[in-house]
Amino acid sequence: MESKNDYVKEEKEGLDFEKTVVVGYALTNKKIKSFLQPKLLSLARSKGISFVAIDQTRPLSDQGPFNILLHKLSGKEWRKSLEDFRQMHPEVTVLDPPNAIHHLYNRQYMLQDVADLNFSGAYGIVRVPKQLVIKKDPSSIPEAVSKAGLILPLVAKPLVVDGTAKSHELALAYDQHSLQMLETPLVLQEFVNHGGILFKVYIVGEAIKVVRRFSLPDVSKQEWSKNAGVFRFPRVSCAAASADDADLDPSIAELPPKHLLEKLAQELRHRLGLHLFNLDIIRERGSKDRFYVIDINYFPGYGKISDYEHIFTDFLLSLMQNKNKTNSTGAC
């Protein structure tokens, strides 16, 4: 049985680089399996797009030629190699710049651009939860929380996002004493009741796709006063937790306004310097137009959304068309 890597290797052998959009990819095995699905490869081939695996045992500068380089690997060595390649080959579109991506791997800085944006308009307000970073001694957390004026309960998240399941685990701390039980380094965010529904906003260039996912349930004042301790949760909002077909209260299920999401995505594409990312957004319970961005992920699980192969191939072609227009204008 042929693997996906075999498929793209065979494709590379028969490429006409003058007519084909060549996308070199450097992805983890897990990402290859979820993203490079047969339906994507087949549609891409029919549109003149070829995916070619980058050999991670060879220097990047010795490989190609590529029109686009798609990647999601970590490590200083890879980042340096990629930056060197970008300097040597400015004609290749790198998705996305490694320094811009690195910004999202630390939750201390992840939401800063959203906070700085202070987004508000006719269709709603977008904020980030009040948060606090603790890097060292867990025993110092209660005092730091009091000093910062954070209101319990608090959501605890690992500080570093490294692609592991553990980096996406959450904990909900109900009382001051239990804060000492948390593992550092971490980020503490004020918990916002949101009806137990989260909106995952997938962004691919200018295209936007929104899906509903189940999230942490609301916490009433009565529950908060009765509960104590730390409640740990595995990764929430994954595809298995889809809420798109659930029978929900319309005020909770209603998607954020399209115009708001388009404007927000446009602003963040510019500020983050990224084409491929998603936003985890919640609506404050009892409000129609007050939203919070609680997480941003680079190159998320696009394979989980319907028609992703059409969205992604159209995006790759649009990149090349825009680059060709720019080159033609510059040559005049």
C-alpha atoms as a PDB file:
ATOM      1  CA  MET A   1       0.000   0.000   0.000  1.00  0.00           C
ATOM      2  CA  GLU A   2       1.382   3.404  -1.025  1.00  0.00           C
ATOM      3  CA  SER A   3       1.932   6.062   1.628  1.00  0.00           C
ATOM      4  CA  LYS A   4       1.274   9.762   1.099  1.00  0.00           C
ATOM      5  CA  ASN A   5       5.014  10.373   0.898  1.00  0.00           C
ATOM      6  CA  ASP A   6       5.286   7.768  -1.887  1.00  0.00           C
ATOM      7  CA  TYR A   7       2.500   9.569  -3.722  1.00  0.00           C
ATOM      8  CA  VAL A   8       4.231  12.937  -3.632  1.00  0.00           C
ATOM      9  CA  LYS A   9       7.614  11.426  -4.514  1.00  0.00           C
ATOM     10  CA  GLU A  10       6.157   9.915  -7.667  1.00  0.00           C
ATOM     11  CA  GLU A  11       4.503  13.253  -8.440  1.00  0.00           C
ATOM     12  CA  LYS A  12       7.821  15.071  -8.164  1.00  0.00           C
ATOM     13  CA  GLU A  13       9.472  12.857 -10.771  1.00  0.00           C
ATOM     14  CA  GLY A  14       7.048  13.973 -13.498  1.00  0.00           C
ATOM     15  CA  LEU A  15       6.824  17.671 -12.642  1.00  0.00           C
ATOM     16  CA  ASP A  16       6.863  20.439 -15.200  1.00  0.00           C
ATOM     17  CA  PHE A  17       8.097  23.309 -13.031  1.00  0.00           C
ATOM     18  CA  GLU A  18       6.992  25.885 -15.613  1.00  0.00           C
ATOM     19  CA  LYS A  19       3.336  24.861 -15.343  1.00  0.00           C
ATOM     20  CA  THR A  20       3.061  23.410 -11.829  1.00  0.00           C
ATOM     21  CA  VAL A  21       2.785  25.213  -8.519  1.00  0.00           C
ATOM     22  CA  VAL A  22       5.313  23.301  -6.414  1.00  0.00           C
ATOM     23  CA  VAL A  23       4.640  23.274  -2.685  1.00  0.00           C
ATOM     24  CA  GLY A  24       7.498  21.917  -0.613  1.00  0.00           C
ATOM     25  CA  TYR A  25       6.329  20.761   2.792  1.00  0.00           C
ATOM     26  CA  ALA A  26       8.083  20.086   6.075  1.00  0.00           C
ATOM     27  CA  LEU A  27       5.533  18.710   8.523  1.00  0.00           C
ATOM     28  CA  THR A  28       5.391  16.257  11.372  1.00  0.00           C
ATOM     29  CA  ASN A  29       4.091  12.766  10.605  1.00  0.00           C
ATOM     30  CA  LYS A  30       0.925  13.568  12.515  1.00  0.00           C
ATOM     31  CA  LYS A  31       0.311  16.713  10.451  1.00  0.00           C
ATOM     32  CA  ILE A  32       1.040  14.888   7.189  1.00  0.00           C
ATOM     33  CA  LYS A  33      -1.589  12.278   8.048  1.00  0.00           C
ATOM     34  CA  SER A  34      -4.270  14.804   9.025  1.00  0.00           C
ATOM     35  CA  PHE A  35      -3.574  17.438   6.383  1.00  0.00           C
ATOM     36  CA  LEU A  36      -2.313  15.691   3.246  1.00  0.00           C
ATOM     37  CA  GLN A  37      -5.442  13.607   2.807  1.00  0.00           C
ATOM     38  CA  PRO A  38      -6.063  11.895  -0.562  1.00  0.00           C
ATOM     39  CA  LYS A  39      -8.910  14.321  -1.369  1.00  0.00           C
ATOM     40  CA  LEU A  40      -6.528  17.277  -0.996  1.00  0.00           C
ATOM     41  CA  LEU A  41      -3.752  15.684  -3.064  1.00  0.00           C
ATOM     42  CA  SER A  42      -6.179  14.674  -5.804  1.00  0.00           C
ATOM     43  CA  LEU A  43      -7.817  18.095  -6.080  1.00  0.00           C
ATOM     44  CA  ALA A  44      -4.443  19.839  -5.929  1.00  0.00           C
ATOM     45  CA  ARG A  45      -3.123  17.714  -8.770  1.00  0.00           C
ATOM     46  CA  SER A  46      -6.161  18.554 -10.912  1.00  0.00           C
ATOM     47  CA  LYS A  47      -5.456  22.261 -10.329  1.00  0.00           C
ATOM     48  CA  GLY A  48      -1.760  22.025 -11.174  1.00  0.00           C
ATOM     49  CA  ILE A  49      -0.470  21.994  -7.603  1.00  0.00           C
ATOM     50  CA  SER A  50       2.120  19.459  -6.491  1.00  0.00           C
ATOM     51  CA  PHE A  51       3.112  18.731  -2.885  1.00  0.00           C
ATOM     52  CA  VAL A  52       6.753  17.649  -2.533  1.00  0.00           C
ATOM     53  CA  ALA A  53       8.238  16.377   0.721  1.00  0.00           C
ATOM     54  CA  ILE A  54      11.295  18.202   2.054  1.00  0.00           C
ATOM     55  CA  ASP A  55      14.058  15.851   3.144  1.00  0.00           C
ATOM     56  CA  GLN A  56      14.886  16.931   6.677  1.00  0.00           C
ATOM     57  CA  THR A  57      18.208  15.049   6.562  1.00  0.00           C
ATOM     58  CA  ARG A  58      19.512  17.283   3.758  1.00  0.00           C
ATOM     59  CA  PRO A  59      20.252  21.023   3.726  1.00  0.00           C
ATOM     60  CA  LEU A  60      17.175  22.993   2.755  1.00  0.00           C
ATOM     61  CA  SER A  61      19.260  25.138   0.407  1.00  0.00           C
ATOM     62  CA  ASP A  62      20.039  22.045  -1.710  1.00  0.00           C
ATOM     63  CA  GLN A  63      16.364  21.257  -2.335  1.00  0.00           C
ATOM     64  CA  GLY A  64      13.704  22.600  -4.659  1.00  0.00           C
ATOM     65  CA  PRO A  65      12.897  24.538  -6.712  1.00  0.00           C
ATOM     66  CA  PHE A  66       9.716  25.479  -4.824  1.00  0.00           C
ATOM     67  CA  ASN A  67       7.101  28.135  -5.400  1.00  0.00           C
ATOM     68  CA  ILE A  68       5.748  27.801  -1.868  1.00  0.00           C
ATOM     69  CA  LEU A  69       7.224  26.288   1.272  1.00  0.00           C
ATOM     70  CA  LEU A  70       4.698  24.994   3.809  1.00  0.00           C
ATOM     71  CA  HIS A  71       5.959  24.029   7.232  1.00  0.00           C
ATOM     72  CA  LYS A  72       5.141  23.259  10.829  1.00  0.00           C
ATOM     73  CA  LEU A  73       8.267  22.092  12.574  1.00  0.00           C
ATOM     74  CA  SER A  74       9.858  23.390  15.753  1.00  0.00           C
ATOM     75  CA  GLY A  75      13.371  23.875  17.024  1.00  0.00           C
ATOM     76  CA  LYS A  76      16.026  26.594  16.736  1.00  0.00           C
ATOM     77  CA  GLU A  77      17.980  24.707  14.098  1.00  0.00           C
ATOM     78  CA  TRP A  78      14.955  24.458  11.789  1.00  0.00           C
ATOM     79  CA  ARG A  79      14.070  28.116  12.312  1.00  0.00           C
ATOM     80  CA  LYS A  80      17.596  29.205  11.418  1.00  0.00           C
ATOM     81  CA  SER A  81      17.652  26.960   8.360  1.00  0.00           C
ATOM     82  CA  LEU A  82      14.333  28.377   7.223  1.00  0.00           C
ATOM     83  CA  GLU A  83      15.373  31.993   7.791  1.00  0.00           C
ATOM     84  CA  ASP A  84      18.572  31.397   5.810  1.00  0.00           C
ATOM     85  CA  PHE A  85      16.507  29.854   3.014  1.00  0.00           C
ATOM     86  CA  ARG A  86      14.168  32.876   2.960  1.00  0.00           C
ATOM     87  CA  GLN A  87      17.127  35.220   2.603  1.00  0.00           C
ATOM     88  CA  MET A  88      18.602  33.125  -0.193  1.00  0.00           C
ATOM     89  CA  HIS A  89      15.280  32.581  -2.015  1.00  0.00           C
ATOM     90  CA  PRO A  90      13.039  35.643  -1.641  1.00  0.00           C
ATOM     91  CA  GLU A  91      11.046  34.412  -4.648  1.00  0.00           C
ATOM     92  CA  VAL A  92       9.680  31.502  -2.564  1.00  0.00           C
ATOM     93  CA  THR A  93       6.603  32.176  -0.432  1.00  0.00           C
ATOM     94  CA  VAL A  94       7.183  30.712   3.032  1.00  0.00           C
ATOM     95  CA  LEU A  95       4.033  29.811   4.963  1.00  0.00           C
ATOM     96  CA  ASP A  96       4.561  31.283   7.402  1.00  0.00           C
ATOM     97  CA  PRO A  97       7.600  33.335   8.572  1.00  0.00           C
ATOM     98  CA  PRO A  98       9.177  31.396  11.461  1.00  0.00           C
ATOM     99  CA  ASN A  99       9.618  34.445  13.687  1.00  0.00           C
ATOM    100  CA  ALA A 100       5.924  35.302  13.356  1.00  0.00           C
ATOM    101  CA  ILE A 101       4.931  31.737  14.212  1.00  0.00           C
ATOM    102  CA  HIS A 102       7.237  31.623  17.223  1.00  0.00           C
ATOM    103  CA  HIS A 103       5.241  34.494  18.731  1.00  0.00           C
ATOM    104  CA  LEU A 104       2.237  32.145  19.079  1.00  0.00           C
ATOM    105  CA  TYR A 105       4.131  29.412  20.890  1.00  0.00           C
ATOM    106  CA  ASN A 106       4.239  31.423  24.110  1.00  0.00           C
ATOM    107  CA  ARG A 107       0.925  32.290  25.750  1.00  0.00           C
ATOM    108  CA  GLN A 108       2.502  35.290  27.454  1.00  0.00           C
ATOM    109  CA  TYR A 109       2.595  37.020  24.038  1.00  0.00           C
ATOM    110  CA  MET A 110       0.046  35.044  22.018  1.00  0.00           C
ATOM    111  CA  LEU A 111      -2.922  37.358  22.641  1.00  0.00           C
ATOM    112  CA  GLN A 112      -1.011  40.634  22.848  1.00  0.00           C
ATOM    113  CA  ASP A 113      -1.946  41.728  19.326  1.00  0.00           C
ATOM    114  CA  VAL A 114      -5.631  41.136  20.074  1.00  0.00           C
ATOM    115  CA  ALA A 115      -5.340  43.156  23.279  1.00  0.00           C
ATOM    116  CA  ASP A 116      -3.518  45.980  21.476  1.00  0.00           C
ATOM    117  CA  LEU A 117      -6.173  46.004  18.761  1.00  0.00           C
ATOM    118  CA  ASN A 118      -8.887  46.850  21.313  1.00  0.00           C
ATOM    119  CA  PHE A 119     -11.408  45.872  18.651  1.00  0.00           C
ATOM    120  CA  SER A 120     -14.888  47.368  18.682  1.00  0.00           C
ATOM    121  CA  GLY A 121     -17.435  48.306  16.071  1.00  0.00           C
ATOM    122  CA  ALA A 122     -21.055  48.177  15.037  1.00  0.00           C
ATOM    123  CA  TYR A 123     -21.038  44.368  15.101  1.00  0.00           C
ATOM    124  CA  GLY A 124     -19.409  43.786  18.464  1.00  0.00           C
ATOM    125  CA  ILE A 125     -16.508  44.111  20.854  1.00  0.00           C
ATOM    126  CA  VAL A 126     -13.537  41.728  20.963  1.00  0.00           C
ATOM    127  CA  ARG A 127     -11.295  41.519  24.015  1.00  0.00           C
ATOM    128  CA  VAL A 128      -8.985  39.023  25.722  1.00  0.00           C
ATOM    129  CA  PRO A 129      -9.527  37.691  29.257  1.00  0.00           C
ATOM    130  CA  LYS A 130      -7.461  39.329  31.965  1.00  0.00           C
ATOM    131  CA  GLN A 131      -4.440  37.106  32.473  1.00  0.00           C
ATOM    132  CA  LEU A 132      -1.325  36.599  34.564  1.00  0.00           C
ATOM    133  CA  VAL A 133       1.913  34.737  33.814  1.00  0.00           C
ATOM    134  CA  ILE A 134       3.588  32.685  36.556  1.00  0.00           C
ATOM    135  CA  LYS A 135       6.968  31.203  35.648  1.00  0.00           C
ATOM    136  CA  LYS A 136       8.402  29.892  38.922  1.00  0.00           C
ATOM    137  CA  ASP A 137       7.273  29.031  42.435  1.00  0.00           C
ATOM    138  CA  PRO A 138       3.633  27.755  42.588  1.00  0.00           C
ATOM    139  CA  SER A 139       3.415  28.871  46.230  1.00  0.00           C
ATOM    140  CA  SER A 140       3.620  32.481  45.023  1.00  0.00           C
ATOM    141  CA  ILE A 141       0.510  32.170  42.833  1.00  0.00           C
ATOM    142  CA  PRO A 142      -2.185  33.122  45.424  1.00  0.00           C
ATOM    143  CA  GLU A 143      -0.415  36.348  46.340  1.00  0.00           C
ATOM    144  CA  ALA A 144       0.298  37.200  42.689  1.00  0.00           C
ATOM    145  CA  VAL A 145      -3.357  36.628  41.783  1.00  0.00           C
ATOM    146  CA  SER A 146      -4.543  38.890  44.616  1.00  0.00           C
ATOM    147  CA  LYS A 147      -2.042  41.574  43.664  1.00  0.00           C
ATOM    148  CA  ALA A 148      -3.131  41.452  40.010  1.00  0.00           C
ATOM    149  CA  GLY A 149      -6.791  41.652  40.981  1.00  0.00           C
ATOM    150  CA  LEU A 150      -7.830  38.534  39.052  1.00  0.00           C
ATOM    151  CA  ILE A 151     -11.254  37.141  39.910  1.00  0.00           C
ATOM    152  CA  LEU A 152     -11.756  33.426  40.581  1.00  0.00           C
ATOM    153  CA  PRO A 153     -12.374  30.912  39.104  1.00  0.00           C
ATOM    154  CA  LEU A 154      -9.296  30.939  36.872  1.00  0.00           C
ATOM    155  CA  VAL A 155      -8.361  28.876  33.827  1.00  0.00           C
ATOM    156  CA  ALA A 156      -4.781  27.602  33.962  1.00  0.00           C
ATOM    157  CA  LYS A 157      -2.906  26.839  30.727  1.00  0.00           C
ATOM    158  CA  PRO A 158       0.704  25.773  30.109  1.00  0.00           C
ATOM    159  CA  LEU A 159       2.840  28.760  29.141  1.00  0.00           C
ATOM    160  CA  VAL A 160       4.494  27.103  26.148  1.00  0.00           C
ATOM    161  CA  VAL A 161       2.578  25.596  23.225  1.00  0.00           C
ATOM    162  CA  ASP A 162       4.835  22.873  21.841  1.00  0.00           C
ATOM    163  CA  GLY A 163       2.403  20.694  19.879  1.00  0.00           C
ATOM    164  CA  THR A 164       2.016  18.076  22.600  1.00  0.00           C
ATOM    165  CA  ALA A 165      -1.354  17.130  24.061  1.00  0.00           C
ATOM    166  CA  LYS A 166      -0.145  18.343  27.463  1.00  0.00           C
ATOM    167  CA  SER A 167       0.380  21.882  26.171  1.00  0.00           C
ATOM    168  CA  HIS A 168      -3.353  22.040  25.359  1.00  0.00           C
ATOM    169  CA  GLU A 169      -4.598  20.726  28.717  1.00  0.00           C
ATOM    170  CA  LEU A 170      -6.620  23.062  30.909  1.00  0.00           C
ATOM    171  CA  ALA A 171      -7.305  23.309  34.624  1.00  0.00           C
ATOM    172  CA  LEU A 172      -9.994  25.306  36.416  1.00  0.00           C
ATOM    173  CA  ALA A 173      -9.022  26.597  39.849  1.00  0.00           C
ATOM    174  CA  TYR A 174     -11.896  27.600  42.148  1.00  0.00           C
ATOM    175  CA  ASP A 175     -10.157  28.941  45.237  1.00  0.00           C
ATOM    176  CA  GLN A 176      -6.994  30.717  46.347  1.00  0.00           C
ATOM    177  CA  HIS A 177      -5.551  27.772  48.247  1.00  0.00           C
ATOM    178  CA  SER A 178      -5.812  25.382  45.288  1.00  0.00           C
ATOM    179  CA  LEU A 179      -3.767  27.738  43.093  1.00  0.00           C
ATOM    180  CA  GLN A 180      -0.633  26.351  44.750  1.00  0.00           C
ATOM    181  CA  MET A 181      -1.446  22.932  43.249  1.00  0.00           C
ATOM    182  CA  LEU A 182      -0.898  24.181  39.694  1.00  0.00           C
ATOM    183  CA  GLU A 183       2.209  23.401  37.651  1.00  0.00           C
ATOM    184  CA  THR A 184       4.385  26.259  36.460  1.00  0.00           C
ATOM    185  CA  PRO A 185       5.226  27.898  34.099  1.00  0.00           C
ATOM    186  CA  LEU A 186       1.635  28.779  33.262  1.00  0.00           C
ATOM    187  CA  VAL A 187      -0.847  31.428  32.248  1.00  0.00           C
ATOM    188  CA  LEU A 188      -3.904  32.143  34.391  1.00  0.00           C
ATOM    189  CA  GLN A 189      -6.955  33.620  32.652  1.00  0.00           C
ATOM    190  CA  GLU A 190     -10.144  34.849  34.249  1.00  0.00           C
ATOM    191  CA  PHE A 191     -12.932  32.429  33.390  1.00  0.00           C
ATOM    192  CA  VAL A 192     -15.746  33.957  31.332  1.00  0.00           C
ATOM    193  CA  ASN A 193     -19.106  32.163  31.269  1.00  0.00           C
ATOM    194  CA  HIS A 194     -19.925  31.486  27.617  1.00  0.00           C
ATOM    195  CA  GLY A 195     -22.673  28.875  27.519  1.00  0.00           C
ATOM    196  CA  GLY A 196     -20.207  26.023  27.116  1.00  0.00           C
ATOM    197  CA  ILE A 197     -19.730  26.804  23.416  1.00  0.00           C
ATOM    198  CA  LEU A 198     -16.567  27.951  21.674  1.00  0.00           C
ATOM    199  CA  PHE A 199     -16.230  29.196  18.096  1.00  0.00           C
ATOM    200  CA  LYS A 200     -13.180  28.008  16.199  1.00  0.00           C
ATOM    201  CA  VAL A 201     -12.460  30.509  13.452  1.00  0.00           C
ATOM    202  CA  TYR A 202     -10.200  28.945  10.815  1.00  0.00           C
ATOM    203  CA  ILE A 203      -8.332  31.451   8.658  1.00  0.00           C
ATOM    204  CA  VAL A 204      -6.655  30.557   5.360  1.00  0.00           C
ATOM    205  CA  GLY A 205      -5.484  33.766   3.745  1.00  0.00           C
ATOM    206  CA  GLU A 206      -8.661  35.787   3.253  1.00  0.00           C
ATOM    207  CA  ALA A 207     -10.973  32.776   3.641  1.00  0.00           C
ATOM    208  CA  ILE A 208     -12.755  32.180   6.952  1.00  0.00           C
ATOM    209  CA  LYS A 209     -14.539  29.077   8.193  1.00  0.00           C
ATOM    210  CA  VAL A 210     -16.306  28.944  11.576  1.00  0.00           C
ATOM    211  CA  VAL A 211     -17.337  25.826  13.516  1.00  0.00           C
ATOM    212  CA  ARG A 212     -18.885  25.355  16.957  1.00  0.00           C
ATOM    213  CA  ARG A 213     -17.194  23.225  19.596  1.00  0.00           C
ATOM    214  CA  PHE A 214     -18.244  22.264  23.107  1.00  0.00           C
ATOM    215  CA  SER A 215     -16.144  23.995  25.732  1.00  0.00           C
ATOM    216  CA  LEU A 216     -15.962  24.275  29.521  1.00  0.00           C
ATOM    217  CA  PRO A 217     -19.419  24.593  31.117  1.00  0.00           C
ATOM    218  CA  ASP A 218     -20.574  27.772  32.816  1.00  0.00           C
ATOM    219  CA  VAL A 219     -19.841  28.219  36.511  1.00  0.00           C
ATOM    220  CA  SER A 220     -22.583  29.793  38.628  1.00  0.00           C
ATOM    221  CA  LYS A 221     -21.841  31.797  41.771  1.00  0.00           C
ATOM    222  CA  GLN A 222     -23.483  29.029  43.789  1.00  0.00           C
ATOM    223  CA  GLU A 223     -21.248  26.357  42.222  1.00  0.00           C
ATOM    224  CA  TRP A 224     -18.196  28.520  42.692  1.00  0.00           C
ATOM    225  CA  SER A 225     -18.909  29.026  46.408  1.00  0.00           C
ATOM    226  CA  LYS A 226     -19.423  25.277  46.962  1.00  0.00           C
ATOM    227  CA  ASN A 227     -16.495  23.960  44.920  1.00  0.00           C
ATOM    228  CA  ALA A 228     -12.852  23.971  45.877  1.00  0.00           C
ATOM    229  CA  GLY A 229      -9.716  22.570  44.329  1.00  0.00           C
ATOM    230  CA  VAL A 230      -8.426  22.217  40.795  1.00  0.00           C
ATOM    231  CA  PHE A 231     -10.438  20.491  38.088  1.00  0.00           C
ATOM    232  CA  ARG A 232      -8.333  19.282  35.177  1.00  0.00           C
ATOM    233  CA  PHE A 233      -9.582  18.862  31.637  1.00  0.00           C
ATOM    234  CA  PRO A 234      -8.009  17.166  28.633  1.00  0.00           C
ATOM    235  CA  ARG A 235      -7.894  19.126  25.396  1.00  0.00           C
ATOM    236  CA  VAL A 236     -11.289  20.714  24.786  1.00  0.00           C
ATOM    237  CA  SER A 237     -12.786  22.017  21.512  1.00  0.00           C
ATOM    238  CA  CYS A 238     -11.357  19.171  19.405  1.00  0.00           C
ATOM    239  CA  ALA A 239     -13.251  17.788  16.392  1.00  0.00           C
ATOM    240  CA  ALA A 240     -14.819  15.071  18.545  1.00  0.00           C
ATOM    241  CA  ALA A 241     -16.465  17.824  20.592  1.00  0.00           C
ATOM    242  CA  SER A 242     -18.326  19.299  17.615  1.00  0.00           C
ATOM    243  CA  ALA A 243     -21.471  21.209  18.563  1.00  0.00           C
ATOM    244  CA  ASP A 244     -22.607  22.099  15.037  1.00  0.00           C
ATOM    245  CA  ASP A 245     -25.501  19.636  15.095  1.00  0.00           C
ATOM    246  CA  ALA A 246     -26.401  19.983  18.780  1.00  0.00           C
ATOM    247  CA  ASP A 247     -29.756  21.317  19.955  1.00  0.00           C
ATOM    248  CA  LEU A 248     -28.582  24.576  21.522  1.00  0.00           C
ATOM    249  CA  ASP A 249     -30.143  27.741  22.821  1.00  0.00           C
ATOM    250  CA  PRO A 250     -30.123  30.057  19.744  1.00  0.00           C
ATOM    251  CA  SER A 251     -28.597  32.886  21.774  1.00  0.00           C
ATOM    252  CA  ILE A 252     -25.620  30.632  22.533  1.00  0.00           C
ATOM    253  CA  ALA A 253     -25.360  28.884  19.165  1.00  0.00           C
ATOM    254  CA  GLU A 254     -25.521  32.008  16.999  1.00  0.00           C
ATOM    255  CA  LEU A 255     -22.227  32.466  15.182  1.00  0.00           C
ATOM    256  CA  PRO A 256     -20.314  35.726  15.585  1.00  0.00           C
ATOM    257  CA  PRO A 257     -21.270  38.250  12.859  1.00  0.00           C
ATOM    258  CA  LYS A 258     -19.523  37.588   9.555  1.00  0.00           C
ATOM    259  CA  HIS A 259     -18.496  41.228   9.176  1.00  0.00           C
ATOM    260  CA  LEU A 260     -16.904  41.238  12.637  1.00  0.00           C
ATOM    261  CA  LEU A 261     -14.891  38.091  11.887  1.00  0.00           C
ATOM    262  CA  GLU A 262     -13.756  39.370   8.488  1.00  0.00           C
ATOM    263  CA  LYS A 263     -12.548  42.654   9.964  1.00  0.00           C
ATOM    264  CA  LEU A 264     -10.880  40.936  12.934  1.00  0.00           C
ATOM    265  CA  ALA A 265      -9.150  38.384  10.699  1.00  0.00           C
ATOM    266  CA  GLN A 266      -7.941  41.129   8.371  1.00  0.00           C
ATOM    267  CA  GLU A 267      -6.445  43.102  11.248  1.00  0.00           C
ATOM    268  CA  LEU A 268      -4.783  40.076  12.810  1.00  0.00           C
ATOM    269  CA  ARG A 269      -3.351  38.793   9.525  1.00  0.00           C
ATOM    270  CA  HIS A 270      -1.572  42.114   9.253  1.00  0.00           C
ATOM    271  CA  ARG A 271      -0.486  42.347  12.895  1.00  0.00           C
ATOM    272  CA  LEU A 272       0.593  38.704  13.263  1.00  0.00           C
ATOM    273  CA  GLY A 273       2.136  38.459   9.796  1.00  0.00           C
ATOM    274  CA  LEU A 274       0.444  35.086   9.264  1.00  0.00           C
ATOM    275  CA  HIS A 275      -1.768  33.482   6.607  1.00  0.00           C
ATOM    276  CA  LEU A 276      -2.605  30.225   8.399  1.00  0.00           C
ATOM    277  CA  PHE A 277      -4.063  30.308  11.891  1.00  0.00           C
ATOM    278  CA  ASN A 278      -7.234  29.956  13.893  1.00  0.00           C
ATOM    279  CA  LEU A 279      -8.860  31.863  16.708  1.00  0.00           C
ATOM    280  CA  ASP A 280     -10.691  30.328  19.640  1.00  0.00           C
ATOM    281  CA  ILE A 281     -13.487  32.789  20.394  1.00  0.00           C
ATOM    282  CA  ILE A 282     -16.203  32.784  23.051  1.00  0.00           C
ATOM    283  CA  ARG A 283     -19.264  35.008  23.522  1.00  0.00           C
ATOM    284  CA  GLU A 284     -19.854  36.246  27.053  1.00  0.00           C
ATOM    285  CA  ARG A 285     -23.011  34.621  28.431  1.00  0.00           C
ATOM    286  CA  GLY A 286     -25.890  37.076  28.479  1.00  0.00           C
ATOM    287  CA  SER A 287     -24.291  39.315  25.862  1.00  0.00           C
ATOM    288  CA  LYS A 288     -25.023  39.360  22.146  1.00  0.00           C
ATOM    289  CA  ASP A 289     -21.964  41.237  20.989  1.00  0.00           C
ATOM    290  CA  ARG A 290     -19.146  40.871  23.537  1.00  0.00           C
ATOM    291  CA  PHE A 291     -16.534  38.333  22.480  1.00  0.00           C
ATOM    292  CA  TYR A 292     -13.196  37.113  23.824  1.00  0.00           C
ATOM    293  CA  VAL A 293     -10.276  35.550  21.968  1.00  0.00           C
ATOM    294  CA  ILE A 294      -8.840  32.956  24.332  1.00  0.00           C
ATOM    295  CA  ASP A 295      -6.299  31.153  22.112  1.00  0.00           C
ATOM    296  CA  ILE A 296      -4.574  31.423  18.720  1.00  0.00           C
ATOM    297  CA  ASN A 297      -3.073  28.430  16.912  1.00  0.00           C
ATOM    298  CA  TYR A 298      -0.750  28.369  13.908  1.00  0.00           C
ATOM    299  CA  PHE A 299      -1.574  25.977  11.032  1.00  0.00           C
ATOM    300  CA  PRO A 300      -4.429  24.272  12.914  1.00  0.00           C
ATOM    301  CA  GLY A 301      -6.261  21.055  11.975  1.00  0.00           C
ATOM    302  CA  TYR A 302      -7.734  22.189   8.681  1.00  0.00           C
ATOM    303  CA  GLY A 303      -8.415  18.563   7.767  1.00  0.00           C
ATOM    304  CA  LYS A 304     -11.223  18.564  10.355  1.00  0.00           C
ATOM    305  CA  ILE A 305     -13.333  21.124   8.492  1.00  0.00           C
ATOM    306  CA  SER A 306     -15.546  20.432   5.502  1.00  0.00           C
ATOM    307  CA  ASP A 307     -14.304  21.442   2.032  1.00  0.00           C
ATOM    308  CA  TYR A 308     -10.881  22.348   3.396  1.00  0.00           C
ATOM    309  CA  GLU A 309      -9.271  20.969   0.239  1.00  0.00           C
ATOM    310  CA  HIS A 310     -11.112  23.541  -1.908  1.00  0.00           C
ATOM    311  CA  ILE A 311     -10.344  26.395   0.485  1.00  0.00           C
ATOM    312  CA  PHE A 312      -6.652  25.523   0.678  1.00  0.00           C
ATOM    313  CA  THR A 313      -6.000  24.902  -3.017  1.00  0.00           C
ATOM    314  CA  ASP A 314      -7.808  28.143  -3.933  1.00  0.00           C
ATOM    315  CA  PHE A 315      -5.614  29.941  -1.407  1.00  0.00           C
ATOM    316  CA  LEU A 316      -2.382  28.500  -2.864  1.00  0.00           C
ATOM    317  CA  LEU A 317      -3.402  29.513  -6.376  1.00  0.00           C
ATOM    318  CA  SER A 318      -4.351  33.011  -5.229  1.00  0.00           C
ATOM    319  CA  LEU A 319      -0.906  33.404  -3.649  1.00  0.00           C
ATOM    320  CA  MET A 320       0.749  32.632  -6.960  1.00  0.00           C
ATOM    321  CA  GLN A 321      -1.620  34.866  -8.931  1.00  0.00           C
ATOM    322  CA  ASN A 322      -0.965  37.797  -6.611  1.00  0.00           C
ATOM    323  CA  LYS A 323       2.785  37.211  -6.796  1.00  0.00           C
ATOM    324  CA  ASN A 324       2.675  37.083 -10.594  1.00  0.00           C
ATOM    325  CA  LYS A 325       0.690  40.340 -10.704  1.00  0.00           C
ATOM    326  CA  THR A 326       3.219  41.988  -8.403  1.00  0.00           C
ATOM    327  CA  ASN A 327       6.111  40.772 -10.541  1.00  0.00           C
ATOM    328  CA  SER A 328       4.398  41.957 -13.739  1.00  0.00           C
ATOM    329  CA  THR A 329       3.747  45.405 -12.244  1.00  0.00           C
ATOM    330  CA  GLY A 330       7.311  45.662 -11.045  1.00  0.00           C
ATOM    331  CA  ALA A 331       8.630  44.791 -14.493  1.00  0.00           C
ATOM    332  CA  CYS A 332       6.678  47.609 -16.183  1.00  0.00           C
END
